[in-house]
Amino acid sequence: MTTTHPPQDALRLVIMGVAGCGKSSVGEALATRLAIRYRDGDDLHPPENVARMRAGVPLTDADRWPWLDQVAATLRAEAPVILGCSALKRAYRDRIRAGAGGPVTFVHLAGSRDLIAARMAQRTGHYMPLSLLDSQFAALEPPGPDEAITVDIAQPLPELVDAILARLP
């Protein structure tokens, strides 16, 4: 299969979706295939946000703006890069695009609440508790085809990565 991708130095790819959808796994697999860096957006949260989430307190828009600005700055400074970021609302994605310093391609990892809850229940060592999953789905404004590539996470990781690569511009 031959796929045309943006020039490597211009690629700013955001893997988005609710907690537990597989952003890190998919982002790392894509980074390996494309031979570019993956950054986990969770690592860009200020300590106050991490403490709130660890305590089971959903973040507000005001909590998220500085984090989203850091996501955009990372995309701007480190392209080519793949970055995992929930980017749940269109306003969040717009803010990332505005500060990224070039085109951003969003890949929405979509899946059922039951599948994602099962995955979250199995993971260890992450500060985001399963109790916040409903707030993530409540905040999610699924992107339309004009805004993102949407893929179903119910498929095995290699097929999921192939599907994303086939749809990159």
N, C-alpha and C. Protein backbone atom coordinates (compact mmCIF):
# COMPACT_ATOMS: atom_id res chain seq x y z
N MET A 1 0.85 -1.17 0.00
CA MET A 1 0.00 0.00 0.00
C MET A 1 0.89 1.23 0.00
N THR A 2 0.63 2.18 -0.89
CA THR A 2 1.36 3.43 -0.95
C THR A 2 0.46 4.54 -0.45
N THR A 3 0.95 5.28 0.51
CA THR A 3 0.19 6.37 1.08
C THR A 3 1.04 7.62 1.05
N THR A 4 0.44 8.74 0.66
CA THR A 4 1.14 10.01 0.66
C THR A 4 0.87 10.71 1.99
N HIS A 5 1.92 11.15 2.63
CA HIS A 5 1.80 11.83 3.92
C HIS A 5 2.39 13.23 3.80
N PRO A 6 2.03 14.14 4.71
CA PRO A 6 2.63 15.46 4.70
C PRO A 6 4.15 15.33 4.85
N PRO A 7 4.88 16.34 4.38
CA PRO A 7 6.33 16.28 4.60
C PRO A 7 6.61 16.06 6.08
N GLN A 8 7.57 15.21 6.38
CA GLN A 8 7.86 14.86 7.78
C GLN A 8 8.05 16.08 8.67
N ASP A 9 8.71 17.13 8.16
CA ASP A 9 8.97 18.28 9.01
C ASP A 9 7.72 19.10 9.30
N ALA A 10 6.62 18.83 8.59
CA ALA A 10 5.39 19.59 8.78
C ALA A 10 4.34 18.82 9.58
N LEU A 11 4.57 17.57 9.87
CA LEU A 11 3.53 16.75 10.48
C LEU A 11 3.31 17.12 11.95
N ARG A 12 2.08 17.51 12.23
CA ARG A 12 1.61 17.77 13.59
C ARG A 12 0.34 16.94 13.74
N LEU A 13 0.48 15.80 14.39
CA LEU A 13 -0.62 14.85 14.48
C LEU A 13 -1.05 14.74 15.93
N VAL A 14 -2.35 14.97 16.19
CA VAL A 14 -2.90 14.85 17.54
C VAL A 14 -3.82 13.64 17.57
N ILE A 15 -3.50 12.71 18.45
CA ILE A 15 -4.34 11.54 18.68
C ILE A 15 -5.27 11.92 19.83
N MET A 16 -6.58 11.99 19.55
CA MET A 16 -7.53 12.52 20.52
C MET A 16 -8.61 11.51 20.88
N GLY A 17 -9.25 11.78 22.01
CA GLY A 17 -10.37 10.96 22.46
C GLY A 17 -10.43 10.96 23.98
N VAL A 18 -11.46 10.32 24.50
CA VAL A 18 -11.65 10.27 25.95
C VAL A 18 -10.55 9.44 26.59
N ALA A 19 -10.42 9.60 27.90
CA ALA A 19 -9.45 8.81 28.67
C ALA A 19 -9.67 7.32 28.40
N GLY A 20 -8.59 6.60 28.25
CA GLY A 20 -8.67 5.16 28.09
C GLY A 20 -8.94 4.66 26.68
N CYS A 21 -9.03 5.56 25.70
CA CYS A 21 -9.34 5.12 24.33
C CYS A 21 -8.13 4.56 23.59
N GLY A 22 -6.93 4.75 24.14
CA GLY A 22 -5.74 4.19 23.50
C GLY A 22 -4.81 5.21 22.86
N LYS A 23 -4.91 6.46 23.28
CA LYS A 23 -4.08 7.50 22.66
C LYS A 23 -2.60 7.17 22.72
N SER A 24 -2.12 6.74 23.88
CA SER A 24 -0.69 6.44 24.03
C SER A 24 -0.27 5.25 23.18
N SER A 25 -1.04 4.19 23.22
CA SER A 25 -0.69 2.99 22.45
C SER A 25 -0.69 3.27 20.95
N VAL A 26 -1.73 3.95 20.48
CA VAL A 26 -1.83 4.27 19.05
C VAL A 26 -0.75 5.28 18.67
N GLY A 27 -0.56 6.31 19.49
CA GLY A 27 0.45 7.32 19.20
C GLY A 27 1.85 6.73 19.11
N GLU A 28 2.19 5.85 20.04
CA GLU A 28 3.50 5.22 20.02
C GLU A 28 3.67 4.32 18.80
N ALA A 29 2.63 3.58 18.45
CA ALA A 29 2.71 2.70 17.28
C ALA A 29 2.85 3.52 15.99
N LEU A 30 2.10 4.61 15.89
CA LEU A 30 2.23 5.48 14.71
C LEU A 30 3.61 6.12 14.65
N ALA A 31 4.12 6.54 15.80
CA ALA A 31 5.45 7.15 15.84
C ALA A 31 6.51 6.18 15.35
N THR A 32 6.38 4.93 15.74
CA THR A 32 7.33 3.91 15.27
C THR A 32 7.23 3.75 13.76
N ARG A 33 6.02 3.66 13.25
CA ARG A 33 5.82 3.48 11.81
C ARG A 33 6.31 4.68 11.00
N LEU A 34 6.11 5.89 11.53
CA LEU A 34 6.48 7.11 10.81
C LEU A 34 7.89 7.60 11.16
N ALA A 35 8.52 6.95 12.13
CA ALA A 35 9.87 7.30 12.57
C ALA A 35 9.95 8.76 13.04
N ILE A 36 8.95 9.16 13.84
CA ILE A 36 8.96 10.47 14.47
C ILE A 36 8.60 10.31 15.94
N ARG A 37 8.73 11.38 16.71
CA ARG A 37 8.53 11.35 18.15
C ARG A 37 7.05 11.34 18.52
N TYR A 38 6.73 10.62 19.60
CA TYR A 38 5.42 10.67 20.23
C TYR A 38 5.57 11.37 21.57
N ARG A 39 4.65 12.29 21.86
CA ARG A 39 4.58 12.97 23.16
C ARG A 39 3.22 12.71 23.78
N ASP A 40 3.21 12.36 25.04
CA ASP A 40 1.96 12.14 25.76
C ASP A 40 1.52 13.47 26.36
N GLY A 41 0.36 13.95 25.93
CA GLY A 41 -0.16 15.22 26.44
C GLY A 41 -0.38 15.22 27.94
N ASP A 42 -0.58 14.05 28.53
CA ASP A 42 -0.74 13.98 29.99
C ASP A 42 0.49 14.54 30.69
N ASP A 43 1.66 14.39 30.07
CA ASP A 43 2.90 14.88 30.67
C ASP A 43 3.00 16.40 30.64
N LEU A 44 2.12 17.06 29.89
CA LEU A 44 2.14 18.51 29.76
C LEU A 44 1.18 19.21 30.73
N HIS A 45 0.37 18.43 31.44
CA HIS A 45 -0.57 19.01 32.41
C HIS A 45 0.19 19.66 33.56
N PRO A 46 -0.27 20.83 34.01
CA PRO A 46 0.31 21.39 35.23
C PRO A 46 0.00 20.49 36.42
N PRO A 47 0.83 20.52 37.45
CA PRO A 47 0.61 19.65 38.61
C PRO A 47 -0.77 19.81 39.24
N GLU A 48 -1.33 21.04 39.18
CA GLU A 48 -2.66 21.25 39.77
C GLU A 48 -3.72 20.42 39.05
N ASN A 49 -3.61 20.31 37.72
CA ASN A 49 -4.57 19.51 36.96
C ASN A 49 -4.45 18.04 37.32
N VAL A 50 -3.22 17.55 37.42
CA VAL A 50 -3.01 16.15 37.77
C VAL A 50 -3.60 15.86 39.15
N ALA A 51 -3.38 16.76 40.09
CA ALA A 51 -3.91 16.57 41.45
C ALA A 51 -5.44 16.54 41.43
N ARG A 52 -6.06 17.41 40.64
CA ARG A 52 -7.52 17.42 40.55
C ARG A 52 -8.03 16.09 39.99
N MET A 53 -7.43 15.64 38.89
CA MET A 53 -7.89 14.39 38.27
C MET A 53 -7.65 13.21 39.20
N ARG A 54 -6.48 13.17 39.83
CA ARG A 54 -6.18 12.08 40.76
C ARG A 54 -7.22 12.02 41.88
N ALA A 55 -7.74 13.19 42.28
CA ALA A 55 -8.75 13.27 43.33
C ALA A 55 -10.16 13.00 42.80
N GLY A 56 -10.27 12.73 41.49
CA GLY A 56 -11.58 12.44 40.90
C GLY A 56 -12.39 13.67 40.57
N VAL A 57 -11.72 14.83 40.46
CA VAL A 57 -12.41 16.08 40.15
C VAL A 57 -12.22 16.38 38.66
N PRO A 58 -13.32 16.48 37.91
CA PRO A 58 -13.19 16.80 36.48
C PRO A 58 -12.59 18.19 36.28
N LEU A 59 -11.80 18.33 35.23
CA LEU A 59 -11.23 19.63 34.89
C LEU A 59 -12.29 20.52 34.25
N THR A 60 -12.18 21.81 34.52
CA THR A 60 -13.03 22.80 33.88
C THR A 60 -12.31 23.33 32.63
N ASP A 61 -13.03 24.11 31.83
CA ASP A 61 -12.38 24.75 30.69
C ASP A 61 -11.23 25.63 31.17
N ALA A 62 -11.44 26.38 32.25
CA ALA A 62 -10.40 27.26 32.77
C ALA A 62 -9.15 26.46 33.17
N ASP A 63 -9.35 25.24 33.70
CA ASP A 63 -8.21 24.37 34.03
C ASP A 63 -7.47 23.94 32.78
N ARG A 64 -8.21 23.73 31.70
CA ARG A 64 -7.62 23.15 30.50
C ARG A 64 -6.88 24.17 29.62
N TRP A 65 -7.28 25.46 29.63
CA TRP A 65 -6.67 26.40 28.68
C TRP A 65 -5.16 26.45 28.74
N PRO A 66 -4.52 26.56 29.91
CA PRO A 66 -3.05 26.58 29.93
C PRO A 66 -2.44 25.29 29.39
N TRP A 67 -3.09 24.16 29.68
CA TRP A 67 -2.61 22.88 29.17
C TRP A 67 -2.71 22.84 27.65
N LEU A 68 -3.84 23.28 27.11
CA LEU A 68 -4.00 23.28 25.65
C LEU A 68 -3.00 24.21 24.98
N ASP A 69 -2.68 25.33 25.63
CA ASP A 69 -1.65 26.22 25.09
C ASP A 69 -0.29 25.51 25.07
N GLN A 70 -0.02 24.71 26.10
CA GLN A 70 1.24 23.95 26.13
C GLN A 70 1.25 22.87 25.04
N VAL A 71 0.11 22.25 24.80
CA VAL A 71 0.00 21.27 23.71
C VAL A 71 0.33 21.94 22.38
N ALA A 72 -0.28 23.10 22.13
CA ALA A 72 -0.03 23.83 20.88
C ALA A 72 1.43 24.23 20.77
N ALA A 73 2.01 24.71 21.87
CA ALA A 73 3.42 25.12 21.85
C ALA A 73 4.34 23.93 21.55
N THR A 74 3.99 22.77 22.07
CA THR A 74 4.78 21.56 21.80
C THR A 74 4.68 21.18 20.33
N LEU A 75 3.49 21.24 19.76
CA LEU A 75 3.33 20.96 18.34
C LEU A 75 4.14 21.95 17.50
N ARG A 76 4.13 23.21 17.88
CA ARG A 76 4.84 24.25 17.16
C ARG A 76 6.35 24.03 17.24
N ALA A 77 6.85 23.72 18.42
CA ALA A 77 8.30 23.63 18.65
C ALA A 77 8.90 22.30 18.21
N GLU A 78 8.12 21.24 18.22
CA GLU A 78 8.70 19.91 18.04
C GLU A 78 8.30 19.20 16.75
N ALA A 79 7.56 19.85 15.86
CA ALA A 79 7.17 19.19 14.61
C ALA A 79 8.44 18.75 13.87
N PRO A 80 8.41 17.55 13.32
CA PRO A 80 7.29 16.61 13.26
C PRO A 80 7.11 15.90 14.59
N VAL A 81 5.84 15.77 14.99
CA VAL A 81 5.55 15.14 16.26
C VAL A 81 4.11 14.60 16.25
N ILE A 82 3.92 13.53 17.00
CA ILE A 82 2.59 12.99 17.28
C ILE A 82 2.35 13.23 18.76
N LEU A 83 1.17 13.75 19.09
CA LEU A 83 0.89 14.10 20.47
C LEU A 83 -0.47 13.57 20.87
N GLY A 84 -0.54 12.89 21.99
CA GLY A 84 -1.82 12.41 22.53
C GLY A 84 -2.44 13.48 23.39
N CYS A 85 -3.69 13.83 23.10
CA CYS A 85 -4.39 14.89 23.83
C CYS A 85 -5.88 14.65 23.68
N SER A 86 -6.62 14.69 24.78
CA SER A 86 -8.05 14.40 24.70
C SER A 86 -8.78 15.32 23.72
N ALA A 87 -8.48 16.62 23.72
CA ALA A 87 -9.07 17.58 22.76
C ALA A 87 -10.58 17.34 22.60
N LEU A 88 -11.28 17.27 23.72
CA LEU A 88 -12.67 16.82 23.72
C LEU A 88 -13.65 17.76 23.02
N LYS A 89 -13.39 19.06 23.04
CA LYS A 89 -14.32 20.02 22.47
C LYS A 89 -13.73 20.70 21.25
N ARG A 90 -14.61 21.14 20.37
CA ARG A 90 -14.14 21.85 19.17
C ARG A 90 -13.34 23.09 19.57
N ALA A 91 -13.77 23.80 20.61
CA ALA A 91 -13.04 24.99 21.06
C ALA A 91 -11.62 24.62 21.47
N TYR A 92 -11.43 23.45 22.07
CA TYR A 92 -10.08 23.01 22.45
C TYR A 92 -9.24 22.75 21.20
N ARG A 93 -9.86 22.07 20.22
CA ARG A 93 -9.13 21.76 18.98
C ARG A 93 -8.80 23.05 18.24
N ASP A 94 -9.74 24.00 18.24
CA ASP A 94 -9.48 25.30 17.60
C ASP A 94 -8.31 26.01 18.28
N ARG A 95 -8.25 25.95 19.59
CA ARG A 95 -7.16 26.61 20.33
C ARG A 95 -5.83 25.95 19.99
N ILE A 96 -5.81 24.63 19.91
CA ILE A 96 -4.58 23.93 19.54
C ILE A 96 -4.15 24.33 18.13
N ARG A 97 -5.10 24.31 17.19
CA ARG A 97 -4.77 24.69 15.81
C ARG A 97 -4.22 26.11 15.73
N ALA A 98 -4.83 27.02 16.48
CA ALA A 98 -4.43 28.43 16.43
C ALA A 98 -2.99 28.65 16.91
N GLY A 99 -2.54 27.82 17.84
CA GLY A 99 -1.20 28.02 18.39
C GLY A 99 -0.13 27.08 17.89
N ALA A 100 -0.49 26.16 17.00
CA ALA A 100 0.43 25.09 16.61
C ALA A 100 1.48 25.49 15.58
N GLY A 101 1.33 26.63 14.95
CA GLY A 101 2.35 27.07 14.00
C GLY A 101 2.29 26.40 12.65
N GLY A 102 1.22 25.70 12.36
CA GLY A 102 1.04 25.03 11.07
C GLY A 102 -0.14 24.09 11.15
N PRO A 103 -0.45 23.44 10.04
CA PRO A 103 -1.61 22.54 10.02
C PRO A 103 -1.49 21.41 11.04
N VAL A 104 -2.62 21.08 11.65
CA VAL A 104 -2.71 19.98 12.61
C VAL A 104 -3.71 18.98 12.09
N THR A 105 -3.34 17.71 12.11
CA THR A 105 -4.26 16.64 11.77
C THR A 105 -4.68 15.96 13.07
N PHE A 106 -6.00 15.90 13.31
CA PHE A 106 -6.53 15.22 14.49
C PHE A 106 -7.01 13.84 14.07
N VAL A 107 -6.72 12.85 14.92
CA VAL A 107 -7.22 11.49 14.74
C VAL A 107 -8.04 11.16 15.98
N HIS A 108 -9.36 10.99 15.78
CA HIS A 108 -10.26 10.71 16.90
C HIS A 108 -10.39 9.20 17.08
N LEU A 109 -9.99 8.72 18.24
CA LEU A 109 -10.15 7.30 18.58
C LEU A 109 -11.50 7.13 19.24
N ALA A 110 -12.45 6.59 18.51
CA ALA A 110 -13.83 6.47 18.97
C ALA A 110 -14.12 5.04 19.38
N GLY A 111 -14.84 4.91 20.49
CA GLY A 111 -15.23 3.59 20.96
C GLY A 111 -16.37 3.70 21.94
N SER A 112 -16.97 2.58 22.25
CA SER A 112 -18.10 2.57 23.17
C SER A 112 -17.62 2.80 24.60
N ARG A 113 -18.52 3.33 25.42
CA ARG A 113 -18.19 3.55 26.82
C ARG A 113 -17.82 2.24 27.50
N ASP A 114 -18.53 1.15 27.17
CA ASP A 114 -18.25 -0.14 27.80
C ASP A 114 -16.85 -0.64 27.47
N LEU A 115 -16.46 -0.54 26.21
CA LEU A 115 -15.12 -0.99 25.81
C LEU A 115 -14.05 -0.16 26.51
N ILE A 116 -14.22 1.15 26.52
CA ILE A 116 -13.22 2.02 27.13
C ILE A 116 -13.17 1.82 28.65
N ALA A 117 -14.32 1.65 29.28
CA ALA A 117 -14.34 1.40 30.73
C ALA A 117 -13.61 0.11 31.06
N ALA A 118 -13.80 -0.92 30.24
CA ALA A 118 -13.10 -2.19 30.47
C ALA A 118 -11.59 -2.00 30.34
N ARG A 119 -11.16 -1.23 29.37
CA ARG A 119 -9.73 -0.97 29.20
C ARG A 119 -9.17 -0.17 30.37
N MET A 120 -9.92 0.84 30.81
CA MET A 120 -9.45 1.65 31.94
C MET A 120 -9.35 0.82 33.21
N ALA A 121 -10.27 -0.09 33.40
CA ALA A 121 -10.27 -0.93 34.60
C ALA A 121 -9.04 -1.83 34.65
N GLN A 122 -8.46 -2.14 33.50
CA GLN A 122 -7.30 -3.04 33.44
C GLN A 122 -5.97 -2.31 33.56
N ARG A 123 -5.96 -0.99 33.32
CA ARG A 123 -4.66 -0.31 33.34
C ARG A 123 -4.29 0.07 34.76
N THR A 124 -2.97 0.15 34.96
CA THR A 124 -2.46 0.50 36.29
C THR A 124 -1.50 1.68 36.15
N GLY A 125 -1.33 2.39 37.24
CA GLY A 125 -0.33 3.45 37.28
C GLY A 125 -0.73 4.75 36.61
N HIS A 126 -2.00 4.93 36.26
CA HIS A 126 -2.42 6.18 35.62
C HIS A 126 -3.28 6.95 36.62
N TYR A 127 -3.11 8.29 36.62
CA TYR A 127 -3.83 9.11 37.59
C TYR A 127 -5.29 9.33 37.26
N MET A 128 -5.72 9.05 36.02
CA MET A 128 -7.11 9.30 35.64
C MET A 128 -7.98 8.13 36.10
N PRO A 129 -8.86 8.36 37.08
CA PRO A 129 -9.70 7.27 37.58
C PRO A 129 -10.87 6.97 36.65
N LEU A 130 -11.33 5.74 36.70
CA LEU A 130 -12.49 5.32 35.92
C LEU A 130 -13.71 6.19 36.24
N SER A 131 -13.76 6.72 37.45
CA SER A 131 -14.92 7.53 37.86
C SER A 131 -15.07 8.80 37.02
N LEU A 132 -14.03 9.24 36.32
CA LEU A 132 -14.13 10.44 35.49
C LEU A 132 -14.51 10.14 34.04
N LEU A 133 -14.68 8.88 33.70
CA LEU A 133 -14.99 8.54 32.31
C LEU A 133 -16.30 9.18 31.84
N ASP A 134 -17.32 9.14 32.68
CA ASP A 134 -18.60 9.73 32.28
C ASP A 134 -18.46 11.23 32.00
N SER A 135 -17.65 11.93 32.80
CA SER A 135 -17.46 13.36 32.55
C SER A 135 -16.72 13.59 31.24
N GLN A 136 -15.85 12.66 30.86
CA GLN A 136 -15.15 12.77 29.58
C GLN A 136 -16.15 12.62 28.42
N PHE A 137 -17.01 11.62 28.50
CA PHE A 137 -18.02 11.44 27.45
C PHE A 137 -19.01 12.61 27.41
N ALA A 138 -19.33 13.17 28.58
CA ALA A 138 -20.25 14.31 28.62
C ALA A 138 -19.63 15.53 27.95
N ALA A 139 -18.34 15.71 28.09
CA ALA A 139 -17.65 16.86 27.50
C ALA A 139 -17.35 16.66 26.01
N LEU A 140 -17.27 15.42 25.56
CA LEU A 140 -16.86 15.13 24.19
C LEU A 140 -17.81 15.71 23.15
N GLU A 141 -17.26 16.50 22.26
CA GLU A 141 -17.95 16.96 21.06
C GLU A 141 -17.27 16.24 19.90
N PRO A 142 -17.83 15.10 19.47
CA PRO A 142 -17.15 14.33 18.43
C PRO A 142 -16.89 15.19 17.20
N PRO A 143 -15.66 15.14 16.70
CA PRO A 143 -15.35 15.95 15.53
C PRO A 143 -16.01 15.39 14.28
N GLY A 144 -16.39 16.28 13.40
CA GLY A 144 -16.94 15.86 12.11
C GLY A 144 -15.81 15.55 11.14
N PRO A 145 -16.16 15.05 9.96
CA PRO A 145 -15.14 14.68 8.97
C PRO A 145 -14.33 15.88 8.48
N ASP A 146 -14.86 17.10 8.67
CA ASP A 146 -14.10 18.29 8.30
C ASP A 146 -13.00 18.60 9.30
N GLU A 147 -13.03 17.92 10.44
CA GLU A 147 -12.14 18.27 11.54
C GLU A 147 -11.15 17.18 11.91
N ALA A 148 -11.48 15.94 11.65
CA ALA A 148 -10.62 14.85 12.13
C ALA A 148 -10.85 13.58 11.32
N ILE A 149 -9.87 12.71 11.41
CA ILE A 149 -10.00 11.34 10.95
C ILE A 149 -10.55 10.58 12.16
N THR A 150 -11.67 9.89 12.00
CA THR A 150 -12.24 9.12 13.11
C THR A 150 -12.10 7.64 12.80
N VAL A 151 -11.58 6.91 13.78
CA VAL A 151 -11.40 5.46 13.63
C VAL A 151 -12.01 4.75 14.83
N ASP A 152 -12.50 3.54 14.59
CA ASP A 152 -13.11 2.72 15.63
C ASP A 152 -12.01 1.93 16.33
N ILE A 153 -11.93 2.07 17.65
CA ILE A 153 -10.86 1.43 18.40
C ILE A 153 -11.12 -0.06 18.68
N ALA A 154 -12.23 -0.59 18.20
CA ALA A 154 -12.56 -1.99 18.48
C ALA A 154 -11.74 -2.97 17.65
N GLN A 155 -10.86 -2.47 16.81
CA GLN A 155 -10.02 -3.34 15.98
C GLN A 155 -8.63 -3.49 16.59
N PRO A 156 -7.91 -4.54 16.23
CA PRO A 156 -6.56 -4.74 16.77
C PRO A 156 -5.64 -3.56 16.39
N LEU A 157 -4.68 -3.30 17.25
CA LEU A 157 -3.78 -2.16 17.08
C LEU A 157 -3.12 -2.09 15.71
N PRO A 158 -2.57 -3.17 15.17
CA PRO A 158 -1.93 -3.05 13.84
C PRO A 158 -2.91 -2.60 12.75
N GLU A 159 -4.13 -3.11 12.79
CA GLU A 159 -5.13 -2.71 11.80
C GLU A 159 -5.57 -1.27 12.01
N LEU A 160 -5.66 -0.86 13.26
CA LEU A 160 -6.02 0.51 13.59
C LEU A 160 -4.96 1.48 13.05
N VAL A 161 -3.70 1.17 13.26
CA VAL A 161 -2.61 2.01 12.75
C VAL A 161 -2.64 2.04 11.22
N ASP A 162 -2.84 0.90 10.59
CA ASP A 162 -2.93 0.88 9.12
C ASP A 162 -4.07 1.76 8.62
N ALA A 163 -5.21 1.70 9.32
CA ALA A 163 -6.37 2.50 8.91
C ALA A 163 -6.06 4.00 9.01
N ILE A 164 -5.36 4.38 10.05
CA ILE A 164 -5.00 5.80 10.22
C ILE A 164 -4.01 6.21 9.13
N LEU A 165 -2.98 5.41 8.93
CA LEU A 165 -1.97 5.75 7.91
C LEU A 165 -2.59 5.89 6.53
N ALA A 166 -3.56 5.05 6.23
CA ALA A 166 -4.21 5.09 4.92
C ALA A 166 -5.03 6.37 4.74
N ARG A 167 -5.42 7.00 5.84
CA ARG A 167 -6.29 8.19 5.75
C ARG A 167 -5.57 9.50 6.01
N LEU A 168 -4.28 9.43 6.35
CA LEU A 168 -3.55 10.69 6.54
C LEU A 168 -3.49 11.44 5.22
N PRO A 169 -3.58 12.78 5.30
CA PRO A 169 -3.54 13.58 4.05
C PRO A 169 -2.18 13.48 3.37
